[in-house]
Amino acid sequence: MSLSSPPHYLIASLGSIGKRHYRNLRALRPQAVITVLRRPESEPVTTLGEEIAEVYSIEAALALKPDAAILAGPAPTHVALAQRFAENGIPVFVEKPLSHDLVGLTALSRTANENGLAVMVAYNLRYNKALVAVREQLLRGTIGNVLAVRAEVGQYLPDWRPDSNYRDGVSANKALGGGPLLELSHEIDFLYWIFGMPQRVSGVGGRFSDLDIDVEDCIELCFEYDSPRRIISLHLDFLQRPAARLCKFIGSIGTLTWDALEDTFVVETVEPTLDRKVMRVPTDDRNQMYIDELSEFLAAVESRGDVSIPLSQGIDVMRIIDAAARSIASGRTEAPKAFEDFL
């Protein structure tokens, strides 16, 4: 597929993340034509500094023959839209999480592969410079073999987006794909990015606060690995004040502790001698992560190249999320479903 001149991109939904992608796309491709797929009843957007071209159905969006599509709506809308774009040979950038369940993912994967399309899942933490440095330290063996991990992320939901009513947001509503498992799945993704697919997943969770939501507000997960033997515990919540995002990696000769909000990590090792290093990898502009991921996708579209977070990895993260959800419901340890078992 050769790009139109000027290139034409479509963004599905203009919520907070859709607006961010719109601004970043305009900055990266100033001459591009950008159209937004929205519901007919959506309120006009006046905060993007330009008149917004809109369409109100997938058929109208496809008729424009965009060069690529960016899906920024609620998770339950992603797969059906991505499937339609993929069937029409249009590369897709999907905001995380890829979906709210496993339905339709094998068909989407098959279509994307048959058409040779880039489908990228937007886990922007993979572009966090401190986390990239942490991963490099771990893969280098700085703390030896990683035997155990303790990760947590949490923020009081009403403080998350203080300019809007938390009750109306995606995070608070099951029908929109809310809840910590999906909304805070960055942690699941980066643990998968570093360590791969766990063999077993167990979890507990529920609503423990008086927040006016219909999803869990606190979840504890455990991932077990067999080769090499490793255990990971992960805490997700909508409760913490102040917010926290931390991860401690426990290795055979030391520990590494990452504080995402401070952009620091501490390495402490005991071999050959006791050593402690504090490293800071600042993120001066947190929007840069979003710019970097979108830049990679646009470059892949233009060159028909690969992306570093392909559809297959987004599906793997959904396999872990699905196993966690099944464990919370059943009270048993669950194994991630094999790809061929999806219905």
Protein backbone atom coordinates (compact mmCIF):
# COMPACT_ATOMS: atom_id res chain seq x y z
CA MET A 1 0.00 0.00 0.00
CA SER A 2 1.39 3.38 -0.99
CA LEU A 3 0.45 6.32 1.18
CA SER A 4 -1.80 9.03 -0.12
CA SER A 5 -0.36 12.53 -0.50
CA PRO A 6 -0.79 14.12 1.96
CA PRO A 7 -1.21 11.05 4.19
CA HIS A 8 -4.65 10.49 5.68
CA TYR A 9 -5.09 9.11 9.18
CA LEU A 10 -8.22 8.22 11.12
CA ILE A 11 -8.63 8.38 14.90
CA ALA A 12 -11.51 6.50 16.52
CA SER A 13 -12.74 8.43 19.58
CA LEU A 14 -11.63 11.74 21.08
CA GLY A 15 -11.50 11.07 24.79
CA SER A 16 -8.43 12.13 26.74
CA ILE A 17 -6.11 9.61 25.07
CA GLY A 18 -7.65 10.26 21.65
CA LYS A 19 -6.93 13.97 22.01
CA ARG A 20 -3.35 13.20 23.03
CA HIS A 21 -2.85 11.05 19.94
CA TYR A 22 -4.46 13.74 17.77
CA ARG A 23 -2.06 16.41 19.05
CA ASN A 24 0.95 14.14 18.71
CA LEU A 25 -0.05 13.03 15.21
CA ARG A 26 -0.48 16.65 14.15
CA ALA A 27 2.97 17.48 15.57
CA LEU A 28 4.60 14.50 13.84
CA ARG A 29 2.82 14.85 10.50
CA PRO A 30 1.78 18.54 10.21
CA GLN A 31 0.51 18.18 6.63
CA ALA A 32 -1.56 15.05 7.23
CA VAL A 33 -5.31 14.90 6.85
CA ILE A 34 -6.83 13.67 10.12
CA THR A 35 -10.42 12.47 10.39
CA VAL A 36 -12.11 11.36 13.61
CA LEU A 37 -14.67 8.56 13.91
CA ARG A 38 -17.14 9.56 16.64
CA ARG A 39 -20.67 8.90 17.80
CA PRO A 40 -23.20 11.30 16.24
CA GLU A 41 -24.22 12.56 19.69
CA SER A 42 -20.65 13.47 20.71
CA GLU A 43 -20.09 17.01 21.90
CA PRO A 44 -18.01 19.31 19.68
CA VAL A 45 -14.29 19.46 20.45
CA THR A 46 -12.86 22.96 20.67
CA THR A 47 -9.57 22.29 22.47
CA LEU A 48 -7.40 21.02 19.61
CA GLY A 49 -6.79 24.34 17.88
CA GLU A 50 -8.36 23.40 14.56
CA GLU A 51 -11.65 22.37 13.03
CA ILE A 52 -12.12 18.61 13.38
CA ALA A 53 -13.23 16.54 10.39
CA GLU A 54 -15.64 13.88 11.64
CA VAL A 55 -17.43 10.78 10.43
CA TYR A 56 -20.04 8.82 12.36
CA SER A 57 -19.91 5.24 11.09
CA ILE A 58 -17.29 2.64 10.28
CA GLU A 59 -18.60 2.53 6.72
CA ALA A 60 -17.99 6.26 6.29
CA ALA A 61 -14.54 5.86 7.82
CA LEU A 62 -13.61 3.04 5.45
CA ALA A 63 -14.89 4.99 2.46
CA LEU A 64 -12.16 7.57 3.15
CA LYS A 65 -9.50 4.88 2.62
CA PRO A 66 -7.20 6.18 5.39
CA ASP A 67 -3.55 5.15 5.37
CA ALA A 68 -3.79 4.02 9.00
CA ALA A 69 -6.21 4.04 11.92
CA ILE A 70 -5.66 4.86 15.59
CA LEU A 71 -8.16 3.23 17.96
CA ALA A 72 -8.52 5.28 21.15
CA GLY A 73 -12.01 4.35 22.34
CA PRO A 74 -13.02 1.96 25.14
CA ALA A 75 -11.45 -1.50 25.03
CA PRO A 76 -14.68 -3.35 24.08
CA THR A 77 -14.76 -1.41 20.79
CA HIS A 78 -11.22 -2.22 19.69
CA VAL A 79 -11.36 -5.66 18.12
CA ALA A 80 -14.47 -5.16 15.97
CA LEU A 81 -13.08 -1.90 14.59
CA ALA A 82 -9.59 -3.32 14.11
CA GLN A 83 -11.04 -6.28 12.23
CA ARG A 84 -12.89 -4.02 9.80
CA PHE A 85 -9.82 -1.88 9.16
CA ALA A 86 -7.58 -4.95 8.77
CA GLU A 87 -10.01 -6.53 6.29
CA ASN A 88 -9.62 -3.39 4.22
CA GLY A 89 -5.82 -3.43 4.34
CA ILE A 90 -5.47 -0.54 6.81
CA PRO A 91 -2.74 -0.70 9.51
CA VAL A 92 -3.99 -0.18 13.05
CA PHE A 93 -2.55 1.40 16.21
CA VAL A 94 -4.61 0.15 19.17
CA GLU A 95 -4.60 1.93 22.50
CA LYS A 96 -4.05 -0.41 25.45
CA PRO A 97 -5.54 -2.75 26.43
CA LEU A 98 -6.04 -4.58 23.16
CA SER A 99 -9.52 -5.69 24.22
CA HIS A 100 -11.63 -6.62 27.24
CA ASP A 101 -11.64 -10.37 26.47
CA LEU A 102 -10.24 -12.90 24.00
CA VAL A 103 -13.16 -12.94 21.56
CA GLY A 104 -12.18 -12.17 17.97
CA LEU A 105 -8.44 -12.06 18.54
CA THR A 106 -7.58 -15.14 16.45
CA ALA A 107 -9.61 -13.80 13.53
CA LEU A 108 -7.93 -10.40 13.80
CA SER A 109 -4.49 -12.01 13.95
CA ARG A 110 -5.24 -14.14 10.91
CA THR A 111 -6.52 -11.18 8.89
CA ALA A 112 -3.58 -8.95 9.82
CA ASN A 113 -1.08 -11.68 8.94
CA GLU A 114 -2.76 -12.48 5.62
CA ASN A 115 -2.71 -8.80 4.63
CA GLY A 116 0.80 -8.14 5.94
CA LEU A 117 -0.40 -5.29 8.17
CA ALA A 118 1.24 -3.54 11.09
CA VAL A 119 -1.01 -3.79 14.14
CA MET A 120 0.62 -2.17 17.17
CA VAL A 121 -0.60 -2.11 20.78
CA ALA A 122 0.14 1.13 22.62
CA TYR A 123 1.91 0.19 25.85
CA ASN A 124 3.80 3.44 26.23
CA LEU A 125 5.74 2.40 29.36
CA ARG A 126 8.02 0.40 27.07
CA TYR A 127 9.31 3.81 25.94
CA ASN A 128 10.03 5.00 29.49
CA LYS A 129 13.80 5.56 29.57
CA ALA A 130 14.18 4.44 33.17
CA LEU A 131 12.27 1.21 32.57
CA VAL A 132 14.30 0.54 29.42
CA ALA A 133 17.46 0.95 31.52
CA VAL A 134 16.05 -1.34 34.22
CA ARG A 135 15.31 -4.05 31.65
CA GLU A 136 18.82 -3.75 30.25
CA GLN A 137 20.31 -4.17 33.74
CA LEU A 138 18.22 -7.27 34.37
CA LEU A 139 19.00 -8.87 31.01
CA ARG A 140 22.69 -8.10 31.58
CA GLY A 141 22.57 -10.11 34.81
CA THR A 142 23.50 -7.21 37.09
CA ILE A 143 21.63 -8.78 40.02
CA GLY A 144 22.12 -12.38 38.86
CA ASN A 145 19.17 -14.64 38.13
CA VAL A 146 15.89 -12.92 38.95
CA LEU A 147 14.10 -15.21 41.41
CA ALA A 148 11.20 -13.05 42.54
CA VAL A 149 9.52 -9.74 41.73
CA ARG A 150 7.17 -7.48 43.68
CA ALA A 151 5.37 -4.83 41.62
CA GLU A 152 2.64 -2.38 42.47
CA VAL A 153 0.73 0.47 40.92
CA GLY A 154 -2.06 2.46 42.49
CA GLN A 155 -3.77 5.82 42.49
CA TYR A 156 -7.00 7.07 44.04
CA LEU A 157 -9.41 7.02 41.12
CA PRO A 158 -11.03 10.46 41.69
CA ASP A 159 -7.53 12.00 41.62
CA TRP A 160 -6.63 10.32 38.33
CA ARG A 161 -8.40 12.83 36.09
CA PRO A 162 -9.51 15.58 38.48
CA ASP A 163 -11.17 17.65 35.73
CA SER A 164 -13.80 14.98 35.09
CA ASN A 165 -16.22 12.90 37.16
CA TYR A 166 -14.54 9.56 37.85
CA ARG A 167 -17.94 7.81 37.83
CA ASP A 168 -18.35 8.53 34.12
CA GLY A 169 -14.92 7.39 33.01
CA VAL A 170 -13.84 4.12 31.45
CA SER A 171 -11.96 3.02 34.58
CA ALA A 172 -15.08 2.91 36.74
CA ASN A 173 -17.37 1.04 34.36
CA LYS A 174 -17.28 -2.64 33.55
CA ALA A 175 -19.23 -2.16 30.31
CA LEU A 176 -16.48 0.17 29.03
CA GLY A 177 -13.63 -2.18 29.91
CA GLY A 178 -12.83 -0.64 33.28
CA GLY A 179 -11.23 -2.07 36.39
CA PRO A 180 -7.58 -2.42 37.42
CA LEU A 181 -6.84 -5.55 35.36
CA LEU A 182 -7.44 -3.69 32.11
CA GLU A 183 -6.81 -0.06 33.01
CA LEU A 184 -3.57 -0.80 34.88
CA SER A 185 -2.35 -3.50 32.50
CA HIS A 186 0.88 -1.58 31.79
CA GLU A 187 2.41 -3.55 34.68
CA ILE A 188 1.28 -6.86 33.22
CA ASP A 189 2.76 -5.83 29.88
CA PHE A 190 6.17 -4.74 31.13
CA LEU A 191 6.53 -7.87 33.29
CA TYR A 192 5.68 -9.94 30.21
CA TRP A 193 8.14 -7.81 28.17
CA ILE A 194 10.94 -8.69 30.58
CA PHE A 195 10.06 -12.25 31.61
CA GLY A 196 7.66 -13.66 29.02
CA MET A 197 4.52 -15.74 29.57
CA PRO A 198 3.93 -17.21 33.04
CA GLN A 199 2.81 -20.82 33.29
CA ARG A 200 0.26 -20.17 36.05
CA VAL A 201 -1.69 -17.13 37.24
CA SER A 202 -3.65 -16.68 40.45
CA GLY A 203 -5.51 -13.67 41.76
CA VAL A 204 -7.91 -12.23 44.29
CA GLY A 205 -9.71 -8.93 44.21
CA GLY A 206 -12.85 -6.99 44.83
CA ARG A 207 -14.27 -3.62 45.77
CA PHE A 208 -13.10 -2.57 49.21
CA SER A 209 -13.78 1.17 49.18
CA ASP A 210 -16.89 3.33 48.93
CA LEU A 211 -16.02 4.45 45.39
CA ASP A 212 -19.12 4.60 43.17
CA ILE A 213 -17.91 2.05 40.61
CA ASP A 214 -19.04 -1.38 39.37
CA VAL A 215 -15.56 -2.89 39.05
CA GLU A 216 -12.87 -4.06 41.49
CA ASP A 217 -10.79 -1.36 43.13
CA CYS A 218 -8.01 -3.63 44.43
CA ILE A 219 -6.43 -6.78 42.95
CA GLU A 220 -3.51 -9.01 43.96
CA LEU A 221 -1.96 -11.30 41.36
CA CYS A 222 0.69 -14.00 41.39
CA PHE A 223 2.54 -15.19 38.28
CA GLU A 224 4.49 -18.46 38.44
CA TYR A 225 7.25 -19.45 36.02
CA ASP A 226 8.79 -22.90 35.65
CA SER A 227 11.93 -22.40 33.53
CA PRO A 228 13.69 -20.75 35.18
CA ARG A 229 11.75 -20.95 38.44
CA ARG A 230 10.45 -17.50 39.32
CA ILE A 231 7.50 -15.93 41.13
CA ILE A 232 6.03 -12.45 40.57
CA SER A 233 3.51 -10.70 42.78
CA LEU A 234 1.58 -7.73 41.41
CA HIS A 235 -0.66 -5.29 43.24
CA LEU A 236 -3.15 -3.09 41.32
CA ASP A 237 -5.48 -0.57 42.92
CA PHE A 238 -7.64 2.53 42.47
CA LEU A 239 -7.11 3.53 46.11
CA GLN A 240 -3.63 4.86 46.89
CA ARG A 241 -3.04 8.43 48.00
CA PRO A 242 -0.46 9.52 47.05
CA ALA A 243 -0.04 7.53 43.85
CA ALA A 244 2.65 4.85 43.63
CA ARG A 245 4.33 2.86 40.86
CA LEU A 246 7.15 0.64 42.12
CA CYS A 247 8.84 -2.63 41.27
CA LYS A 248 11.45 -4.61 43.19
CA PHE A 249 13.42 -7.33 41.41
CA ILE A 250 15.07 -9.88 43.71
CA GLY A 251 18.07 -11.59 42.17
CA SER A 252 20.57 -14.23 43.19
CA ILE A 253 23.28 -11.64 43.97
CA GLY A 254 21.29 -8.50 44.68
CA THR A 255 18.16 -6.43 44.18
CA LEU A 256 17.00 -3.71 41.82
CA THR A 257 14.21 -1.36 42.87
CA TRP A 258 12.51 0.94 40.35
CA ASP A 259 10.42 3.95 41.33
CA ALA A 260 8.58 5.03 38.19
CA LEU A 261 7.28 8.29 39.65
CA GLU A 262 10.78 9.37 40.68
CA ASP A 263 12.47 8.02 37.51
CA THR A 264 15.06 6.28 39.68
CA PHE A 265 16.27 2.77 40.27
CA VAL A 266 18.57 1.43 42.95
CA VAL A 267 20.90 -1.52 42.36
CA GLU A 268 22.32 -3.30 45.41
CA THR A 269 24.61 -6.29 44.96
CA VAL A 270 26.65 -8.42 47.37
CA GLU A 271 29.11 -10.10 45.00
CA PRO A 272 32.02 -9.71 44.86
CA THR A 273 31.59 -6.92 47.44
CA LEU A 274 28.67 -4.94 48.80
CA ASP A 275 27.78 -2.29 46.23
CA ARG A 276 24.91 0.19 46.03
CA LYS A 277 24.17 2.43 43.07
CA VAL A 278 21.35 4.93 42.70
CA MET A 279 20.60 5.80 39.09
CA ARG A 280 18.24 8.48 37.80
CA VAL A 281 16.97 8.45 34.23
CA PRO A 282 14.72 11.50 34.06
CA THR A 283 11.66 11.79 31.87
CA ASP A 284 11.46 15.55 31.35
CA ASP A 285 8.34 15.30 29.20
CA ARG A 286 6.10 12.30 29.83
CA ASN A 287 4.34 12.92 26.55
CA GLN A 288 7.57 11.88 24.83
CA MET A 289 6.71 8.22 25.45
CA TYR A 290 3.48 8.66 23.51
CA ILE A 291 5.30 10.50 20.74
CA ASP A 292 7.91 7.75 20.50
CA GLU A 293 5.39 4.92 20.23
CA LEU A 294 3.34 6.76 17.61
CA SER A 295 6.50 7.66 15.67
CA GLU A 296 7.44 3.99 15.51
CA PHE A 297 4.00 3.04 14.22
CA LEU A 298 3.97 5.75 11.56
CA ALA A 299 7.44 4.74 10.38
CA ALA A 300 6.29 1.11 10.12
CA VAL A 301 3.26 2.15 8.08
CA GLU A 302 5.40 4.21 5.72
CA SER A 303 8.06 1.53 5.28
CA ARG A 304 5.80 -1.53 5.65
CA GLY A 305 8.13 -2.53 8.47
CA ASP A 306 7.69 -4.20 11.84
CA VAL A 307 6.70 -2.73 15.20
CA SER A 308 8.15 -3.60 18.61
CA ILE A 309 4.75 -4.24 20.26
CA PRO A 310 2.97 -6.31 17.62
CA LEU A 311 -0.51 -7.77 17.83
CA SER A 312 0.87 -11.13 19.00
CA GLN A 313 2.30 -9.53 22.15
CA GLY A 314 -0.91 -7.62 22.82
CA ILE A 315 -2.73 -10.96 22.59
CA ASP A 316 -0.26 -12.53 25.04
CA VAL A 317 -1.00 -9.78 27.56
CA MET A 318 -4.72 -10.44 27.09
CA ARG A 319 -4.08 -14.15 27.72
CA ILE A 320 -2.53 -13.24 31.08
CA ILE A 321 -5.39 -10.85 31.91
CA ASP A 322 -7.92 -13.54 31.00
CA ALA A 323 -6.21 -16.08 33.25
CA ALA A 324 -6.17 -13.55 36.10
CA ALA A 325 -9.88 -12.78 35.66
CA ARG A 326 -10.72 -16.50 35.61
CA SER A 327 -8.67 -17.06 38.77
CA ILE A 328 -10.38 -14.20 40.62
CA ALA A 329 -13.75 -15.67 39.65
CA SER A 330 -12.92 -19.33 40.36
CA GLY A 331 -10.62 -19.02 43.36
CA ARG A 332 -8.20 -21.39 41.61
CA THR A 333 -4.85 -21.00 39.91
CA GLU A 334 -5.36 -20.78 36.14
CA ALA A 335 -3.11 -21.30 33.12
CA PRO A 336 -3.16 -18.79 30.24
CA LYS A 337 -5.17 -20.21 27.35
CA ALA A 338 -3.27 -21.44 24.33
CA PHE A 339 -3.72 -19.26 21.26
CA GLU A 340 -5.58 -21.97 19.36
CA ASP A 341 -8.13 -22.31 22.18
CA PHE A 342 -9.69 -18.86 21.72
CA LEU A 343 -13.27 -18.83 20.50
